[in-house]
Amino acid sequence: MIPRFDARAFSGITAAMRDAFDRDGVLVLDGLIRPEECDRLKARMMELVDCFDPAAHRSVFSSTSRQHDQDAYFLESGHETRFFFEEEAFDADDKLTAPKHLALNKVGHAMHDTDPVFSAFARQDAFRLAATGLGHQDPLLLQSMYIFKQPRIGGEVVCHQDGTYLRTEPESCLGFWVAVEDATVENGCLWGIPGGHKTGGLRSAFYRAETGVHTWHETLDDTPFDEDLKAPLEAPKGTVLVFGGLFPHLSSANRSDRSRHAYTLHTIDRSAHYPADNWLRRPDHLPLKGFDI
């Protein structure tokens, strides 16, 4: 059983929280974010979607087909706010089957730097205290995403480790997954493998060529994840799941009639080397920033 911590009066990582994180690979912080903060973030995202023209870009994100891997619109989004559709959002004639608000898979990957509302949310003291309390000496905000997990068409996310896509040497990736809406088994909550971060290391790495949009995966360890040990990480609105880059996690498709909005923020430690062949890159004139800007 993965322990849960009441974080409504959070003031930093306790010894019990650190022990749970080290043992399980994930920390469950219930009530860390107030409901009104979730509502404000969701409202701002709806404003951004209102301004998005779906005729301009039809990029699809899917962890099963991986068609976005060679998509310049996706690969050049490390310093932008860009919009990606669900795989099932289009019919046989390539027409949207739902309004854009109900067809998007996610928005990413730099709202924490491009939008004042998302910047304030990402740079709140709770995240800073959690990052430093879990070992970051000088955290940098690397990536953020708003994930919709749409009713009936919200796509499956296969078991993976975030360190595959956000590699540092040594490994320092830390993910903050915020339940903007209630996340349940029925509407596609995360599942994780407790202790899976200690078995086998990083299974694969995702690389991008120095120029162009050519990418490839490399298998580092072909030991399969032991998904028989997976546990649901149901998260009421305002709960934050914190996990490292080696923690194996996944989510099922959402076939319910309720969405499962979530926000994710990934940080790395400034002292760790961020290889140039990572897919997510920033122009030299827009370097990564910390919690203070």
Protein backbone atom coordinates (compact mmCIF):
# COMPACT_ATOMS: atom_id res chain seq x y z
CA MET A 1 0.00 0.00 0.00
CA ILE A 2 1.45 3.35 -1.06
CA PRO A 3 1.08 5.80 1.84
CA ARG A 4 -0.73 9.09 1.44
CA PHE A 5 0.17 12.29 3.25
CA ASP A 6 -2.16 15.12 4.20
CA ALA A 7 -0.35 18.13 2.69
CA ARG A 8 -2.91 20.86 3.29
CA ALA A 9 -0.50 22.53 5.73
CA PHE A 10 2.65 21.51 3.85
CA SER A 11 5.84 23.24 5.01
CA GLY A 12 8.47 20.89 3.64
CA ILE A 13 9.45 17.26 3.16
CA THR A 14 9.34 15.29 6.42
CA ALA A 15 11.42 12.23 7.27
CA ALA A 16 8.38 10.00 6.73
CA MET A 17 7.77 11.53 3.31
CA ARG A 18 11.40 11.06 2.33
CA ASP A 19 11.34 7.43 3.49
CA ALA A 20 8.19 6.76 1.43
CA PHE A 21 9.69 8.42 -1.64
CA ASP A 22 12.94 6.47 -1.34
CA ARG A 23 11.12 3.16 -0.82
CA ASP A 24 8.26 3.45 -3.32
CA GLY A 25 9.61 5.94 -5.85
CA VAL A 26 6.50 8.12 -5.52
CA LEU A 27 5.15 10.52 -2.94
CA VAL A 28 1.39 11.17 -2.65
CA LEU A 29 0.60 14.62 -1.24
CA ASP A 30 -3.15 15.01 -0.75
CA GLY A 31 -4.55 18.54 -0.70
CA LEU A 32 -1.25 20.23 -1.56
CA ILE A 33 -3.03 22.46 -4.10
CA ARG A 34 -6.20 24.28 -3.10
CA PRO A 35 -9.28 23.63 -5.27
CA GLU A 36 -9.50 27.26 -6.31
CA GLU A 37 -5.91 27.11 -7.60
CA CYS A 38 -6.84 24.11 -9.75
CA ASP A 39 -9.88 25.99 -11.05
CA ARG A 40 -7.79 29.04 -11.90
CA LEU A 41 -5.25 26.95 -13.82
CA LYS A 42 -8.00 25.13 -15.71
CA ALA A 43 -9.73 28.41 -16.60
CA ARG A 44 -6.50 29.85 -17.95
CA MET A 45 -5.92 26.75 -20.07
CA MET A 46 -9.42 27.08 -21.52
CA GLU A 47 -8.55 30.67 -22.48
CA LEU A 48 -5.41 29.46 -24.26
CA VAL A 49 -7.42 26.78 -26.07
CA ASP A 50 -9.98 29.41 -27.12
CA CYS A 51 -7.17 31.25 -28.92
CA PHE A 52 -5.78 28.14 -30.62
CA ASP A 53 -6.69 27.58 -34.27
CA PRO A 54 -6.90 23.82 -34.90
CA ALA A 55 -6.66 24.41 -38.64
CA ALA A 56 -3.12 25.73 -38.19
CA HIS A 57 -1.67 22.57 -36.61
CA ARG A 58 -3.00 19.01 -36.49
CA SER A 59 -0.26 17.36 -34.45
CA VAL A 60 -1.32 14.17 -32.66
CA PHE A 61 0.33 12.86 -29.48
CA SER A 62 0.20 9.12 -28.82
CA SER A 63 2.42 6.97 -26.60
CA THR A 64 1.40 3.87 -28.56
CA SER A 65 1.87 4.91 -32.21
CA ARG A 66 4.58 7.50 -31.40
CA GLN A 67 3.88 9.36 -34.63
CA HIS A 68 4.88 12.63 -32.95
CA ASP A 69 8.49 11.46 -32.63
CA GLN A 70 9.41 12.90 -36.04
CA ASP A 71 7.06 15.91 -35.84
CA ALA A 72 8.88 19.25 -35.93
CA TYR A 73 5.92 21.00 -34.26
CA PHE A 74 6.37 18.64 -31.29
CA LEU A 75 10.17 18.47 -31.22
CA GLU A 76 10.57 22.25 -31.33
CA SER A 77 8.14 22.91 -28.47
CA GLY A 78 10.70 23.01 -25.65
CA HIS A 79 10.37 26.77 -25.30
CA GLU A 80 6.83 27.20 -26.66
CA THR A 81 3.17 26.58 -25.77
CA ARG A 82 1.86 24.12 -28.35
CA PHE A 83 -1.27 22.00 -28.74
CA PHE A 84 -1.50 18.26 -29.44
CA PHE A 85 -4.60 16.24 -30.29
CA GLU A 86 -5.82 12.85 -29.14
CA GLU A 87 -5.26 10.05 -31.64
CA GLU A 88 -9.01 9.32 -31.74
CA ALA A 89 -9.97 12.97 -32.23
CA PHE A 90 -10.15 12.62 -36.04
CA ASP A 91 -12.44 10.55 -38.23
CA ALA A 92 -11.57 8.69 -41.43
CA ASP A 93 -11.78 11.96 -43.35
CA ASP A 94 -9.32 13.66 -40.98
CA LYS A 95 -12.05 15.83 -39.48
CA LEU A 96 -12.36 16.55 -35.77
CA THR A 97 -15.02 14.42 -34.11
CA ALA A 98 -15.44 16.84 -31.17
CA PRO A 99 -14.92 20.53 -30.35
CA LYS A 100 -11.25 21.37 -29.85
CA HIS A 101 -11.71 21.66 -26.05
CA LEU A 102 -12.69 17.98 -26.06
CA ALA A 103 -10.21 16.80 -28.69
CA LEU A 104 -6.83 17.87 -27.34
CA ASN A 105 -4.50 15.39 -25.66
CA LYS A 106 -2.17 17.93 -24.07
CA VAL A 107 -0.53 21.34 -24.24
CA GLY A 108 3.21 21.76 -23.71
CA HIS A 109 6.01 22.23 -22.98
CA ALA A 110 6.99 25.62 -21.58
CA MET A 111 3.88 27.31 -20.17
CA HIS A 112 5.85 27.79 -16.95
CA ASP A 113 7.94 30.35 -18.87
CA THR A 114 5.52 31.60 -21.53
CA ASP A 115 2.40 32.34 -19.48
CA PRO A 116 2.20 34.35 -16.23
CA VAL A 117 -0.58 32.23 -14.69
CA PHE A 118 1.27 28.98 -15.34
CA SER A 119 4.56 30.54 -14.24
CA ALA A 120 3.11 31.55 -10.89
CA PHE A 121 1.57 28.12 -10.42
CA ALA A 122 4.78 26.26 -11.29
CA ARG A 123 6.94 28.47 -9.10
CA GLN A 124 4.89 28.23 -5.91
CA ASP A 125 6.77 27.58 -2.68
CA ALA A 126 5.28 24.10 -2.23
CA PHE A 127 7.03 22.79 -5.35
CA ARG A 128 10.29 24.48 -4.43
CA LEU A 129 10.21 22.99 -0.93
CA ALA A 130 9.40 19.54 -2.29
CA ALA A 131 12.17 19.66 -4.91
CA THR A 132 14.86 20.76 -2.48
CA GLY A 133 13.55 18.44 0.23
CA LEU A 134 13.91 15.49 -2.15
CA GLY A 135 17.49 16.26 -3.04
CA HIS A 136 17.71 19.02 -5.64
CA GLN A 137 20.39 21.51 -4.69
CA ASP A 138 19.49 24.04 -7.40
CA PRO A 139 16.35 22.96 -9.29
CA LEU A 140 15.66 24.09 -12.85
CA LEU A 141 12.20 24.00 -14.43
CA LEU A 142 12.60 21.89 -17.56
CA GLN A 143 9.17 20.96 -18.89
CA SER A 144 5.48 21.42 -18.16
CA MET A 145 2.34 19.94 -19.68
CA TYR A 146 -1.40 20.30 -19.29
CA ILE A 147 -3.01 16.90 -19.94
CA PHE A 148 -6.74 16.60 -20.70
CA LYS A 149 -7.39 12.82 -20.74
CA GLN A 150 -10.61 13.49 -22.63
CA PRO A 151 -13.89 11.64 -21.99
CA ARG A 152 -14.21 8.47 -24.10
CA ILE A 153 -11.13 9.19 -26.27
CA GLY A 154 -8.42 9.91 -23.67
CA GLY A 155 -5.49 7.82 -24.87
CA GLU A 156 -3.57 5.09 -23.07
CA VAL A 157 -0.08 5.93 -21.81
CA VAL A 158 2.12 2.85 -21.77
CA CYS A 159 4.43 2.01 -18.87
CA HIS A 160 7.51 4.21 -19.02
CA GLN A 161 10.09 6.16 -17.03
CA ASP A 162 10.32 9.92 -17.44
CA GLY A 163 14.11 9.65 -17.39
CA THR A 164 13.89 8.07 -20.85
CA TYR A 165 12.87 11.44 -22.27
CA LEU A 166 14.48 13.88 -19.83
CA ARG A 167 17.94 12.41 -19.25
CA THR A 168 20.55 13.93 -16.99
CA GLU A 169 23.91 12.63 -15.77
CA PRO A 170 23.57 11.70 -12.98
CA GLU A 171 19.80 11.08 -13.12
CA SER A 172 17.97 14.00 -11.48
CA CYS A 173 14.56 14.26 -13.16
CA LEU A 174 11.74 14.97 -10.72
CA GLY A 175 8.09 15.04 -11.79
CA PHE A 176 5.19 16.85 -10.10
CA TRP A 177 1.83 15.49 -11.32
CA VAL A 178 -1.11 17.65 -10.21
CA ALA A 179 -4.70 16.41 -10.24
CA VAL A 180 -6.54 19.45 -11.65
CA GLU A 181 -9.66 17.26 -11.58
CA ASP A 182 -10.36 14.05 -9.67
CA ALA A 183 -8.35 11.16 -11.10
CA THR A 184 -9.92 7.74 -10.56
CA VAL A 185 -9.51 4.25 -11.94
CA GLU A 186 -12.60 4.86 -14.07
CA ASN A 187 -11.31 7.98 -15.82
CA GLY A 188 -7.68 6.96 -16.28
CA CYS A 189 -5.68 7.75 -13.15
CA LEU A 190 -1.97 7.01 -13.04
CA TRP A 191 -0.74 3.58 -11.97
CA GLY A 192 2.78 3.04 -10.67
CA ILE A 193 5.04 0.16 -9.69
CA PRO A 194 6.12 0.71 -6.07
CA GLY A 195 9.85 0.14 -5.75
CA GLY A 196 10.20 -0.19 -9.52
CA HIS A 197 12.73 2.65 -9.56
CA LYS A 198 15.20 0.31 -7.83
CA THR A 199 14.99 -2.58 -10.29
CA GLY A 200 16.94 -2.52 -13.52
CA GLY A 201 17.73 1.19 -13.84
CA LEU A 202 16.73 3.16 -16.93
CA ARG A 203 15.18 0.80 -19.50
CA SER A 204 15.49 2.99 -22.61
CA ALA A 205 16.68 6.36 -23.87
CA PHE A 206 15.13 8.70 -26.41
CA TYR A 207 17.60 10.64 -28.58
CA ARG A 208 17.37 13.45 -31.09
CA ALA A 209 19.89 14.13 -33.84
CA GLU A 210 21.94 17.31 -33.63
CA THR A 211 20.11 18.80 -36.61
CA GLY A 212 16.67 18.20 -38.04
CA VAL A 213 13.89 16.19 -36.44
CA HIS A 214 15.36 12.68 -36.62
CA THR A 215 14.86 10.79 -33.34
CA TRP A 216 15.34 7.25 -32.14
CA HIS A 217 14.94 5.03 -29.06
CA GLU A 218 17.68 2.84 -27.64
CA THR A 219 16.98 -0.12 -25.36
CA LEU A 220 19.36 -0.01 -22.40
CA ASP A 221 17.86 -2.92 -20.48
CA ASP A 222 15.24 -5.22 -21.99
CA THR A 223 13.96 -6.42 -18.61
CA PRO A 224 10.19 -5.85 -18.75
CA PHE A 225 8.45 -3.78 -16.11
CA ASP A 226 6.67 -5.99 -13.59
CA GLU A 227 3.21 -4.60 -14.24
CA ASP A 228 1.67 -7.31 -12.05
CA LEU A 229 2.87 -5.16 -9.13
CA LYS A 230 1.31 -1.93 -10.35
CA ALA A 231 -0.92 0.01 -7.98
CA PRO A 232 -3.51 2.71 -8.76
CA LEU A 233 -2.59 6.25 -7.79
CA GLU A 234 -6.05 7.72 -7.51
CA ALA A 235 -5.79 11.42 -6.87
CA PRO A 236 -8.58 13.72 -5.69
CA LYS A 237 -8.51 17.23 -7.09
CA GLY A 238 -5.52 19.08 -5.60
CA THR A 239 -3.42 15.99 -4.90
CA VAL A 240 0.17 16.05 -6.17
CA LEU A 241 2.15 12.93 -7.06
CA VAL A 242 5.92 13.41 -6.96
CA PHE A 243 8.20 10.84 -8.56
CA GLY A 244 11.69 10.50 -9.94
CA GLY A 245 12.87 9.76 -13.45
CA LEU A 246 13.23 6.01 -12.85
CA PHE A 247 9.72 5.41 -11.45
CA PRO A 248 7.69 3.21 -13.86
CA HIS A 249 4.16 4.51 -14.37
CA LEU A 250 1.30 4.32 -16.87
CA SER A 251 -2.36 5.14 -17.36
CA SER A 252 -5.25 3.42 -19.11
CA ALA A 253 -7.42 4.95 -21.79
CA ASN A 254 -10.31 7.03 -20.51
CA ARG A 255 -13.56 5.46 -21.70
CA SER A 256 -15.69 7.18 -19.06
CA ASP A 257 -17.78 10.29 -19.60
CA ARG A 258 -15.58 12.40 -17.28
CA SER A 259 -12.33 14.14 -18.19
CA ARG A 260 -9.21 13.83 -16.05
CA HIS A 261 -7.31 17.10 -16.35
CA ALA A 262 -3.81 17.14 -14.89
CA TYR A 263 -0.78 19.41 -14.89
CA THR A 264 2.79 18.14 -14.82
CA LEU A 265 6.02 19.94 -14.08
CA HIS A 266 9.46 18.39 -14.44
CA THR A 267 12.56 19.74 -12.77
CA ILE A 268 16.22 18.76 -12.96
CA ASP A 269 19.21 19.76 -10.84
CA ARG A 270 21.47 22.46 -12.29
CA SER A 271 24.54 20.47 -11.19
CA ALA A 272 23.56 17.51 -13.41
CA HIS A 273 24.66 17.37 -17.05
CA TYR A 274 21.78 17.66 -19.55
CA PRO A 275 22.98 15.87 -22.73
CA ALA A 276 22.63 17.77 -25.98
CA ASP A 277 20.97 14.77 -27.64
CA ASN A 278 17.86 15.04 -25.45
CA TRP A 279 14.75 15.71 -27.53
CA LEU A 280 13.67 18.76 -25.51
CA ARG A 281 15.92 21.71 -26.22
CA ARG A 282 15.94 25.42 -25.55
CA PRO A 283 17.54 28.16 -27.68
CA ASP A 284 20.65 29.68 -26.15
CA HIS A 285 18.85 32.98 -25.63
CA LEU A 286 16.10 31.24 -23.59
CA PRO A 287 17.99 29.20 -20.99
CA LEU A 288 16.31 27.11 -18.30
CA LYS A 289 15.24 29.04 -15.21
CA GLY A 290 14.80 28.09 -11.59
CA PHE A 291 11.97 28.85 -9.19
CA ASP A 292 13.18 32.44 -8.91
CA ILE A 293 12.91 34.57 -12.05
